[in-house]
Amino acid sequence: METTATVSRDGCIVPPIVGCLAYEPGDILYVASDGMHAVDDALYQDKRTFLANHLYDTFGDNLTVSVLQDTLSSFQELCSDDAVLGLIWTKEAHV
């Protein structure tokens, strides 16, 4: 690991931000490369929402990997070819 989170185009070093946050059942956390930024921009302009909220509002507990892939393919023209998306979705445990 490097000691910096990123270096901008103009050489500005952005230090890593490290912390801890408790999640609630149903929370969606996504971490994306800058290649996904256009997706959030488009969703916000069109629906005043962001990707995690859009996924939950649209699919709720029916969100699957297949549905996620289909949804993201609809944004393919907005994503750069090096876009990376990590998604953590906390759900209540059904015992």
PDB file of N, CA and C in Angstrom:
ATOM      1  N   MET A   1       0.836  -1.187   0.000  1.00  0.00           N
ATOM      2  CA  MET A   1       0.000   0.000   0.000  1.00  0.00           C
ATOM      3  C   MET A   1       0.876   1.243   0.000  1.00  0.00           C
ATOM      4  N   GLU A   2       0.405   2.229  -0.673  1.00  0.00           N
ATOM      5  CA  GLU A   2       1.097   3.501  -0.686  1.00  0.00           C
ATOM      6  C   GLU A   2       0.655   4.322   0.520  1.00  0.00           C
ATOM      7  N   THR A   3       1.349   5.388   0.785  1.00  0.00           N
ATOM      8  CA  THR A   3       0.991   6.248   1.911  1.00  0.00           C
ATOM      9  C   THR A   3      -0.021   7.313   1.521  1.00  0.00           C
ATOM     10  N   THR A   4      -0.416   7.337   0.245  1.00  0.00           N
ATOM     11  CA  THR A   4      -1.431   8.287  -0.196  1.00  0.00           C
ATOM     12  C   THR A   4      -2.594   7.540  -0.834  1.00  0.00           C
ATOM     13  N   ALA A   5      -3.763   8.143  -0.783  1.00  0.00           N
ATOM     14  CA  ALA A   5      -4.922   7.531  -1.412  1.00  0.00           C
ATOM     15  C   ALA A   5      -4.910   7.768  -2.918  1.00  0.00           C
ATOM     16  N   THR A   6      -4.482   8.956  -3.320  1.00  0.00           N
ATOM     17  CA  THR A   6      -4.470   9.266  -4.733  1.00  0.00           C
ATOM     18  C   THR A   6      -3.585  10.480  -4.995  1.00  0.00           C
ATOM     19  N   VAL A   7      -3.212  10.618  -6.232  1.00  0.00           N
ATOM     20  CA  VAL A   7      -2.479  11.805  -6.672  1.00  0.00           C
ATOM     21  C   VAL A   7      -3.260  12.371  -7.851  1.00  0.00           C
ATOM     22  N   SER A   8      -3.651  13.628  -7.763  1.00  0.00           N
ATOM     23  CA  SER A   8      -4.441  14.245  -8.825  1.00  0.00           C
ATOM     24  C   SER A   8      -3.592  14.543 -10.038  1.00  0.00           C
ATOM     25  N   ARG A   9      -4.244  14.951 -11.131  1.00  0.00           N
ATOM     26  CA  ARG A   9      -3.532  15.275 -12.371  1.00  0.00           C
ATOM     27  C   ARG A   9      -2.487  16.354 -12.179  1.00  0.00           C
ATOM     28  N   ASP A  10      -2.772  17.311 -11.305  1.00  0.00           N
ATOM     29  CA  ASP A  10      -1.810  18.397 -11.106  1.00  0.00           C
ATOM     30  C   ASP A  10      -0.774  18.073 -10.034  1.00  0.00           C
ATOM     31  N   GLY A  11      -0.752  16.806  -9.570  1.00  0.00           N
ATOM     32  CA  GLY A  11       0.252  16.378  -8.615  1.00  0.00           C
ATOM     33  C   GLY A  11      -0.119  16.584  -7.161  1.00  0.00           C
ATOM     34  N   CYS A  12      -1.333  17.054  -6.901  1.00  0.00           N
ATOM     35  CA  CYS A  12      -1.794  17.253  -5.525  1.00  0.00           C
ATOM     36  C   CYS A  12      -2.022  15.898  -4.862  1.00  0.00           C
ATOM     37  N   ILE A  13      -1.388  15.675  -3.724  1.00  0.00           N
ATOM     38  CA  ILE A  13      -1.522  14.402  -3.011  1.00  0.00           C
ATOM     39  C   ILE A  13      -2.702  14.488  -2.051  1.00  0.00           C
ATOM     40  N   VAL A  14      -3.592  13.513  -2.149  1.00  0.00           N
ATOM     41  CA  VAL A  14      -4.762  13.439  -1.271  1.00  0.00           C
ATOM     42  C   VAL A  14      -4.515  12.313  -0.269  1.00  0.00           C
ATOM     43  N   PRO A  15      -4.416  12.638   1.018  1.00  0.00           N
ATOM     44  CA  PRO A  15      -4.130  11.589   2.011  1.00  0.00           C
ATOM     45  C   PRO A  15      -5.304  10.633   2.172  1.00  0.00           C
ATOM     46  N   PRO A  16      -5.033   9.399   2.563  1.00  0.00           N
ATOM     47  CA  PRO A  16      -6.125   8.439   2.772  1.00  0.00           C
ATOM     48  C   PRO A  16      -7.005   8.869   3.944  1.00  0.00           C
ATOM     49  N   ILE A  17      -8.270   8.551   3.845  1.00  0.00           N
ATOM     50  CA  ILE A  17      -9.217   8.800   4.929  1.00  0.00           C
ATOM     51  C   ILE A  17      -9.607   7.449   5.492  1.00  0.00           C
ATOM     52  N   VAL A  18      -9.342   7.253   6.750  1.00  0.00           N
ATOM     53  CA  VAL A  18      -9.608   5.970   7.386  1.00  0.00           C
ATOM     54  C   VAL A  18     -10.559   6.198   8.548  1.00  0.00           C
ATOM     55  N   GLY A  19     -11.550   5.358   8.673  1.00  0.00           N
ATOM     56  CA  GLY A  19     -12.492   5.517   9.765  1.00  0.00           C
ATOM     57  C   GLY A  19     -13.383   4.301   9.884  1.00  0.00           C
ATOM     58  N   CYS A  20     -14.330   4.396  10.769  1.00  0.00           N
ATOM     59  CA  CYS A  20     -15.240   3.290  11.035  1.00  0.00           C
ATOM     60  C   CYS A  20     -16.653   3.849  11.140  1.00  0.00           C
ATOM     61  N   LEU A  21     -17.602   3.149  10.573  1.00  0.00           N
ATOM     62  CA  LEU A  21     -18.990   3.574  10.609  1.00  0.00           C
ATOM     63  C   LEU A  21     -19.859   2.333  10.755  1.00  0.00           C
ATOM     64  N   ALA A  22     -20.778   2.347  11.687  1.00  0.00           N
ATOM     65  CA  ALA A  22     -21.681   1.212  11.870  1.00  0.00           C
ATOM     66  C   ALA A  22     -22.740   1.235  10.777  1.00  0.00           C
ATOM     67  N   TYR A  23     -23.041   0.091  10.241  1.00  0.00           N
ATOM     68  CA  TYR A  23     -24.060  -0.022   9.206  1.00  0.00           C
ATOM     69  C   TYR A  23     -25.352  -0.546   9.807  1.00  0.00           C
ATOM     70  N   GLU A  24     -26.446  -0.140   9.193  1.00  0.00           N
ATOM     71  CA  GLU A  24     -27.773  -0.611   9.575  1.00  0.00           C
ATOM     72  C   GLU A  24     -28.248  -1.591   8.506  1.00  0.00           C
ATOM     73  N   PRO A  25     -29.112  -2.542   8.870  1.00  0.00           N
ATOM     74  CA  PRO A  25     -29.658  -3.447   7.855  1.00  0.00           C
ATOM     75  C   PRO A  25     -30.316  -2.651   6.730  1.00  0.00           C
ATOM     76  N   GLY A  26     -30.012  -3.028   5.502  1.00  0.00           N
ATOM     77  CA  GLY A  26     -30.563  -2.345   4.342  1.00  0.00           C
ATOM     78  C   GLY A  26     -29.659  -1.268   3.775  1.00  0.00           C
ATOM     79  N   ASP A  27     -28.599  -0.881   4.501  1.00  0.00           N
ATOM     80  CA  ASP A  27     -27.670   0.118   3.980  1.00  0.00           C
ATOM     81  C   ASP A  27     -26.940  -0.444   2.765  1.00  0.00           C
ATOM     82  N   ILE A  28     -26.699   0.420   1.807  1.00  0.00           N
ATOM     83  CA  ILE A  28     -25.895   0.055   0.646  1.00  0.00           C
ATOM     84  C   ILE A  28     -24.683   0.977   0.614  1.00  0.00           C
ATOM     85  N   LEU A  29     -23.520   0.378   0.552  1.00  0.00           N
ATOM     86  CA  LEU A  29     -22.281   1.132   0.453  1.00  0.00           C
ATOM     87  C   LEU A  29     -21.624   0.749  -0.862  1.00  0.00           C
ATOM     88  N   TYR A  30     -21.295   1.742  -1.640  1.00  0.00           N
ATOM     89  CA  TYR A  30     -20.544   1.406  -2.834  1.00  0.00           C
ATOM     90  C   TYR A  30     -19.319   2.286  -2.943  1.00  0.00           C
ATOM     91  N   VAL A  31     -18.280   1.688  -3.446  1.00  0.00           N
ATOM     92  CA  VAL A  31     -17.016   2.366  -3.653  1.00  0.00           C
ATOM     93  C   VAL A  31     -16.720   2.222  -5.137  1.00  0.00           C
ATOM     94  N   ALA A  32     -16.499   3.346  -5.794  1.00  0.00           N
ATOM     95  CA  ALA A  32     -16.329   3.292  -7.232  1.00  0.00           C
ATOM     96  C   ALA A  32     -15.135   4.120  -7.658  1.00  0.00           C
ATOM     97  N   SER A  33     -14.569   3.726  -8.782  1.00  0.00           N
ATOM     98  CA  SER A  33     -13.502   4.523  -9.369  1.00  0.00           C
ATOM     99  C   SER A  33     -14.114   5.767  -9.996  1.00  0.00           C
ATOM    100  N   ASP A  34     -13.256   6.664 -10.437  1.00  0.00           N
ATOM    101  CA  ASP A  34     -13.766   7.870 -11.083  1.00  0.00           C
ATOM    102  C   ASP A  34     -14.516   7.552 -12.364  1.00  0.00           C
ATOM    103  N   GLY A  35     -14.377   6.340 -12.863  1.00  0.00           N
ATOM    104  CA  GLY A  35     -15.109   5.935 -14.061  1.00  0.00           C
ATOM    105  C   GLY A  35     -16.601   5.798 -13.839  1.00  0.00           C
ATOM    106  N   MET A  36     -17.051   5.735 -12.569  1.00  0.00           N
ATOM    107  CA  MET A  36     -18.478   5.626 -12.255  1.00  0.00           C
ATOM    108  C   MET A  36     -19.098   6.977 -11.929  1.00  0.00           C
ATOM    109  N   HIS A  37     -18.294   8.018 -11.871  1.00  0.00           N
ATOM    110  CA  HIS A  37     -18.782   9.337 -11.479  1.00  0.00           C
ATOM    111  C   HIS A  37     -19.909   9.823 -12.390  1.00  0.00           C
ATOM    112  N   ALA A  38     -19.802   9.556 -13.676  1.00  0.00           N
ATOM    113  CA  ALA A  38     -20.814  10.006 -14.631  1.00  0.00           C
ATOM    114  C   ALA A  38     -22.164   9.346 -14.391  1.00  0.00           C
ATOM    115  N   VAL A  39     -22.172   8.127 -13.864  1.00  0.00           N
ATOM    116  CA  VAL A  39     -23.432   7.440 -13.557  1.00  0.00           C
ATOM    117  C   VAL A  39     -24.179   8.193 -12.468  1.00  0.00           C
ATOM    118  N   ASP A  40     -23.494   8.528 -11.381  1.00  0.00           N
ATOM    119  CA  ASP A  40     -24.134   9.298 -10.318  1.00  0.00           C
ATOM    120  C   ASP A  40     -24.595  10.659 -10.825  1.00  0.00           C
ATOM    121  N   ASP A  41     -23.783  11.309 -11.645  1.00  0.00           N
ATOM    122  CA  ASP A  41     -24.170  12.607 -12.197  1.00  0.00           C
ATOM    123  C   ASP A  41     -25.459  12.491 -13.000  1.00  0.00           C
ATOM    124  N   ALA A  42     -25.530  11.474 -13.871  1.00  0.00           N
ATOM    125  CA  ALA A  42     -26.711  11.297 -14.718  1.00  0.00           C
ATOM    126  C   ALA A  42     -27.948  10.977 -13.878  1.00  0.00           C
ATOM    127  N   LEU A  43     -27.783  10.086 -12.896  1.00  0.00           N
ATOM    128  CA  LEU A  43     -28.919   9.752 -12.028  1.00  0.00           C
ATOM    129  C   LEU A  43     -29.382  10.960 -11.242  1.00  0.00           C
ATOM    130  N   TYR A  44     -28.444  11.735 -10.739  1.00  0.00           N
ATOM    131  CA  TYR A  44     -28.822  12.886  -9.932  1.00  0.00           C
ATOM    132  C   TYR A  44     -29.539  13.941 -10.781  1.00  0.00           C
ATOM    133  N   GLN A  45     -29.055  14.156 -11.988  1.00  0.00           N
ATOM    134  CA  GLN A  45     -29.708  15.128 -12.866  1.00  0.00           C
ATOM    135  C   GLN A  45     -31.104  14.666 -13.253  1.00  0.00           C
ATOM    136  N   ASP A  46     -31.256  13.372 -13.503  1.00  0.00           N
ATOM    137  CA  ASP A  46     -32.540  12.843 -13.980  1.00  0.00           C
ATOM    138  C   ASP A  46     -33.526  12.571 -12.848  1.00  0.00           C
ATOM    139  N   LYS A  47     -33.049  11.946 -11.763  1.00  0.00           N
ATOM    140  CA  LYS A  47     -33.956  11.470 -10.717  1.00  0.00           C
ATOM    141  C   LYS A  47     -33.663  12.028  -9.334  1.00  0.00           C
ATOM    142  N   ARG A  48     -32.673  12.917  -9.224  1.00  0.00           N
ATOM    143  CA  ARG A  48     -32.282  13.476  -7.933  1.00  0.00           C
ATOM    144  C   ARG A  48     -31.947  12.373  -6.916  1.00  0.00           C
ATOM    145  N   THR A  49     -31.218  11.379  -7.383  1.00  0.00           N
ATOM    146  CA  THR A  49     -30.801  10.276  -6.517  1.00  0.00           C
ATOM    147  C   THR A  49     -29.420   9.799  -6.952  1.00  0.00           C
ATOM    148  N   PHE A  50     -28.822   8.942  -6.152  1.00  0.00           N
ATOM    149  CA  PHE A  50     -27.526   8.363  -6.463  1.00  0.00           C
ATOM    150  C   PHE A  50     -27.673   6.866  -6.662  1.00  0.00           C
ATOM    151  N   LEU A  51     -26.632   6.221  -7.158  1.00  0.00           N
ATOM    152  CA  LEU A  51     -26.721   4.817  -7.557  1.00  0.00           C
ATOM    153  C   LEU A  51     -27.206   3.910  -6.432  1.00  0.00           C
ATOM    154  N   ALA A  52     -26.636   4.023  -5.243  1.00  0.00           N
ATOM    155  CA  ALA A  52     -27.047   3.134  -4.146  1.00  0.00           C
ATOM    156  C   ALA A  52     -28.531   3.318  -3.834  1.00  0.00           C
ATOM    157  N   ASN A  53     -28.991   4.567  -3.765  1.00  0.00           N
ATOM    158  CA  ASN A  53     -30.403   4.832  -3.498  1.00  0.00           C
ATOM    159  C   ASN A  53     -31.289   4.322  -4.628  1.00  0.00           C
ATOM    160  N   HIS A  54     -30.843   4.536  -5.850  1.00  0.00           N
ATOM    161  CA  HIS A  54     -31.603   4.071  -7.017  1.00  0.00           C
ATOM    162  C   HIS A  54     -31.769   2.552  -6.988  1.00  0.00           C
ATOM    163  N   LEU A  55     -30.698   1.845  -6.682  1.00  0.00           N
ATOM    164  CA  LEU A  55     -30.770   0.382  -6.626  1.00  0.00           C
ATOM    165  C   LEU A  55     -31.752  -0.081  -5.564  1.00  0.00           C
ATOM    166  N   TYR A  56     -31.660   0.506  -4.380  1.00  0.00           N
ATOM    167  CA  TYR A  56     -32.539   0.090  -3.289  1.00  0.00           C
ATOM    168  C   TYR A  56     -33.999   0.469  -3.582  1.00  0.00           C
ATOM    169  N   ASP A  57     -34.218   1.698  -4.043  1.00  0.00           N
ATOM    170  CA  ASP A  57     -35.584   2.144  -4.318  1.00  0.00           C
ATOM    171  C   ASP A  57     -36.235   1.341  -5.436  1.00  0.00           C
ATOM    172  N   THR A  58     -35.455   0.947  -6.421  1.00  0.00           N
ATOM    173  CA  THR A  58     -35.994   0.242  -7.574  1.00  0.00           C
ATOM    174  C   THR A  58     -36.168  -1.252  -7.324  1.00  0.00           C
ATOM    175  N   PHE A  59     -35.192  -1.872  -6.660  1.00  0.00           N
ATOM    176  CA  PHE A  59     -35.197  -3.323  -6.551  1.00  0.00           C
ATOM    177  C   PHE A  59     -35.399  -3.855  -5.136  1.00  0.00           C
ATOM    178  N   GLY A  60     -35.131  -3.040  -4.126  1.00  0.00           N
ATOM    179  CA  GLY A  60     -35.302  -3.483  -2.744  1.00  0.00           C
ATOM    180  C   GLY A  60     -34.605  -4.808  -2.492  1.00  0.00           C
ATOM    181  N   ASP A  61     -35.303  -5.728  -1.879  1.00  0.00           N
ATOM    182  CA  ASP A  61     -34.725  -7.037  -1.562  1.00  0.00           C
ATOM    183  C   ASP A  61     -34.558  -7.935  -2.777  1.00  0.00           C
ATOM    184  N   ASN A  62     -35.026  -7.504  -3.932  1.00  0.00           N
ATOM    185  CA  ASN A  62     -34.913  -8.312  -5.149  1.00  0.00           C
ATOM    186  C   ASN A  62     -33.631  -8.031  -5.929  1.00  0.00           C
ATOM    187  N   LEU A  63     -32.741  -7.217  -5.364  1.00  0.00           N
ATOM    188  CA  LEU A  63     -31.485  -6.915  -6.043  1.00  0.00           C
ATOM    189  C   LEU A  63     -30.596  -8.155  -6.057  1.00  0.00           C
ATOM    190  N   THR A  64     -30.181  -8.534  -7.239  1.00  0.00           N
ATOM    191  CA  THR A  64     -29.270  -9.670  -7.413  1.00  0.00           C
ATOM    192  C   THR A  64     -28.100  -9.211  -8.274  1.00  0.00           C
ATOM    193  N   VAL A  65     -27.108 -10.051  -8.372  1.00  0.00           N
ATOM    194  CA  VAL A  65     -25.948  -9.729  -9.209  1.00  0.00           C
ATOM    195  C   VAL A  65     -26.410  -9.537 -10.656  1.00  0.00           C
ATOM    196  N   SER A  66     -27.310 -10.376 -11.121  1.00  0.00           N
ATOM    197  CA  SER A  66     -27.809 -10.279 -12.487  1.00  0.00           C
ATOM    198  C   SER A  66     -28.523  -8.953 -12.730  1.00  0.00           C
ATOM    199  N   VAL A  67     -29.386  -8.560 -11.787  1.00  0.00           N
ATOM    200  CA  VAL A  67     -30.100  -7.289 -11.895  1.00  0.00           C
ATOM    201  C   VAL A  67     -29.117  -6.130 -11.870  1.00  0.00           C
ATOM    202  N   LEU A  68     -28.107  -6.217 -11.001  1.00  0.00           N
ATOM    203  CA  LEU A  68     -27.100  -5.173 -10.912  1.00  0.00           C
ATOM    204  C   LEU A  68     -26.343  -5.042 -12.227  1.00  0.00           C
ATOM    205  N   GLN A  69     -25.967  -6.162 -12.818  1.00  0.00           N
ATOM    206  CA  GLN A  69     -25.256  -6.131 -14.098  1.00  0.00           C
ATOM    207  C   GLN A  69     -26.120  -5.507 -15.187  1.00  0.00           C
ATOM    208  N   ASP A  70     -27.404  -5.876 -15.219  1.00  0.00           N
ATOM    209  CA  ASP A  70     -28.311  -5.305 -16.215  1.00  0.00           C
ATOM    210  C   ASP A  70     -28.462  -3.799 -16.021  1.00  0.00           C
ATOM    211  N   THR A  71     -28.588  -3.378 -14.769  1.00  0.00           N
ATOM    212  CA  THR A  71     -28.744  -1.957 -14.471  1.00  0.00           C
ATOM    213  C   THR A  71     -27.509  -1.183 -14.899  1.00  0.00           C
ATOM    214  N   LEU A  72     -26.337  -1.696 -14.548  1.00  0.00           N
ATOM    215  CA  LEU A  72     -25.106  -0.997 -14.902  1.00  0.00           C
ATOM    216  C   LEU A  72     -24.858  -0.997 -16.402  1.00  0.00           C
ATOM    217  N   SER A  73     -25.328  -2.042 -17.103  1.00  0.00           N
ATOM    218  CA  SER A  73     -25.133  -2.056 -18.556  1.00  0.00           C
ATOM    219  C   SER A  73     -25.916  -0.930 -19.219  1.00  0.00           C
ATOM    220  N   SER A  74     -27.015  -0.481 -18.572  1.00  0.00           N
ATOM    221  CA  SER A  74     -27.774   0.631 -19.139  1.00  0.00           C
ATOM    222  C   SER A  74     -26.997   1.947 -19.032  1.00  0.00           C
ATOM    223  N   PHE A  75     -25.985   1.974 -18.160  1.00  0.00           N
ATOM    224  CA  PHE A  75     -25.149   3.159 -18.004  1.00  0.00           C
ATOM    225  C   PHE A  75     -23.800   3.000 -18.704  1.00  0.00           C
ATOM    226  N   GLN A  76     -23.657   1.955 -19.497  1.00  0.00           N
ATOM    227  CA  GLN A  76     -22.363   1.622 -20.081  1.00  0.00           C
ATOM    228  C   GLN A  76     -21.758   2.782 -20.855  1.00  0.00           C
ATOM    229  N   GLU A  77     -22.576   3.520 -21.588  1.00  0.00           N
ATOM    230  CA  GLU A  77     -22.027   4.615 -22.382  1.00  0.00           C
ATOM    231  C   GLU A  77     -21.504   5.749 -21.512  1.00  0.00           C
ATOM    232  N   LEU A  78     -21.931   5.801 -20.234  1.00  0.00           N
ATOM    233  CA  LEU A  78     -21.463   6.846 -19.326  1.00  0.00           C
ATOM    234  C   LEU A  78     -20.178   6.467 -18.598  1.00  0.00           C
ATOM    235  N   CYS A  79     -19.938   5.159 -18.479  1.00  0.00           N
ATOM    236  CA  CYS A  79     -18.778   4.680 -17.714  1.00  0.00           C
ATOM    237  C   CYS A  79     -17.538   4.657 -18.602  1.00  0.00           C
ATOM    238  N   SER A  80     -16.424   5.000 -17.999  1.00  0.00           N
ATOM    239  CA  SER A  80     -15.179   4.841 -18.743  1.00  0.00           C
ATOM    240  C   SER A  80     -14.843   3.357 -18.787  1.00  0.00           C
ATOM    241  N   ASP A  81     -13.939   2.977 -19.660  1.00  0.00           N
ATOM    242  CA  ASP A  81     -13.616   1.558 -19.803  1.00  0.00           C
ATOM    243  C   ASP A  81     -12.859   0.993 -18.608  1.00  0.00           C
ATOM    244  N   ASP A  82     -12.420   1.839 -17.695  1.00  0.00           N
ATOM    245  CA  ASP A  82     -11.697   1.330 -16.525  1.00  0.00           C
ATOM    246  C   ASP A  82     -12.505   1.511 -15.239  1.00  0.00           C
ATOM    247  N   ALA A  83     -13.831   1.650 -15.361  1.00  0.00           N
ATOM    248  CA  ALA A  83     -14.668   1.840 -14.180  1.00  0.00           C
ATOM    249  C   ALA A  83     -14.647   0.596 -13.299  1.00  0.00           C
ATOM    250  N   VAL A  84     -14.547   0.824 -11.999  1.00  0.00           N
ATOM    251  CA  VAL A  84     -14.547  -0.262 -11.020  1.00  0.00           C
ATOM    252  C   VAL A  84     -15.603   0.046  -9.979  1.00  0.00           C
ATOM    253  N   LEU A  85     -16.413  -0.947  -9.642  1.00  0.00           N
ATOM    254  CA  LEU A  85     -17.470  -0.755  -8.659  1.00  0.00           C
ATOM    255  C   LEU A  85     -17.413  -1.870  -7.632  1.00  0.00           C
ATOM    256  N   GLY A  86     -17.404  -1.497  -6.360  1.00  0.00           N
ATOM    257  CA  GLY A  86     -17.523  -2.459  -5.275  1.00  0.00           C
ATOM    258  C   GLY A  86     -18.797  -2.139  -4.524  1.00  0.00           C
ATOM    259  N   LEU A  87     -19.595  -3.144  -4.229  1.00  0.00           N
ATOM    260  CA  LEU A  87     -20.885  -2.917  -3.593  1.00  0.00           C
ATOM    261  C   LEU A  87     -21.015  -3.805  -2.355  1.00  0.00           C
ATOM    262  N   ILE A  88     -21.355  -3.191  -1.233  1.00  0.00           N
ATOM    263  CA  ILE A  88     -21.642  -3.935  -0.001  1.00  0.00           C
ATOM    264  C   ILE A  88     -23.076  -3.595   0.369  1.00  0.00           C
ATOM    265  N   TRP A  89     -23.910  -4.607   0.468  1.00  0.00           N
ATOM    266  CA  TRP A  89     -25.315  -4.383   0.805  1.00  0.00           C
ATOM    267  C   TRP A  89     -25.618  -5.170   2.073  1.00  0.00           C
ATOM    268  N   THR A  90     -25.925  -4.461   3.132  1.00  0.00           N
ATOM    269  CA  THR A  90     -26.239  -5.124   4.400  1.00  0.00           C
ATOM    270  C   THR A  90     -27.723  -5.451   4.406  1.00  0.00           C
ATOM    271  N   LYS A  91     -28.023  -6.677   4.727  1.00  0.00           N
ATOM    272  CA  LYS A  91     -29.418  -7.110   4.798  1.00  0.00           C
ATOM    273  C   LYS A  91     -29.647  -7.753   6.161  1.00  0.00           C
ATOM    274  N   GLU A  92     -30.893  -7.709   6.605  1.00  0.00           N
ATOM    275  CA  GLU A  92     -31.208  -8.357   7.874  1.00  0.00           C
ATOM    276  C   GLU A  92     -31.050  -9.862   7.717  1.00  0.00           C
ATOM    277  N   ALA A  93     -30.514 -10.481   8.753  1.00  0.00           N
ATOM    278  CA  ALA A  93     -30.378 -11.933   8.745  1.00  0.00           C
ATOM    279  C   ALA A  93     -31.731 -12.550   9.070  1.00  0.00           C
ATOM    280  N   HIS A  94     -32.151 -13.480   8.241  1.00  0.00           N
ATOM    281  CA  HIS A  94     -33.425 -14.191   8.489  1.00  0.00           C
ATOM    282  C   HIS A  94     -33.089 -15.553   9.068  1.00  0.00           C
ATOM    283  N   VAL A  95     -33.424 -15.731  10.333  1.00  0.00           N
ATOM    284  CA  VAL A  95     -33.065 -16.973  11.018  1.00  0.00           C
ATOM    285  C   VAL A  95     -34.285 -17.865  11.143  1.00  0.00           C
TER     286      VAL A  95
END
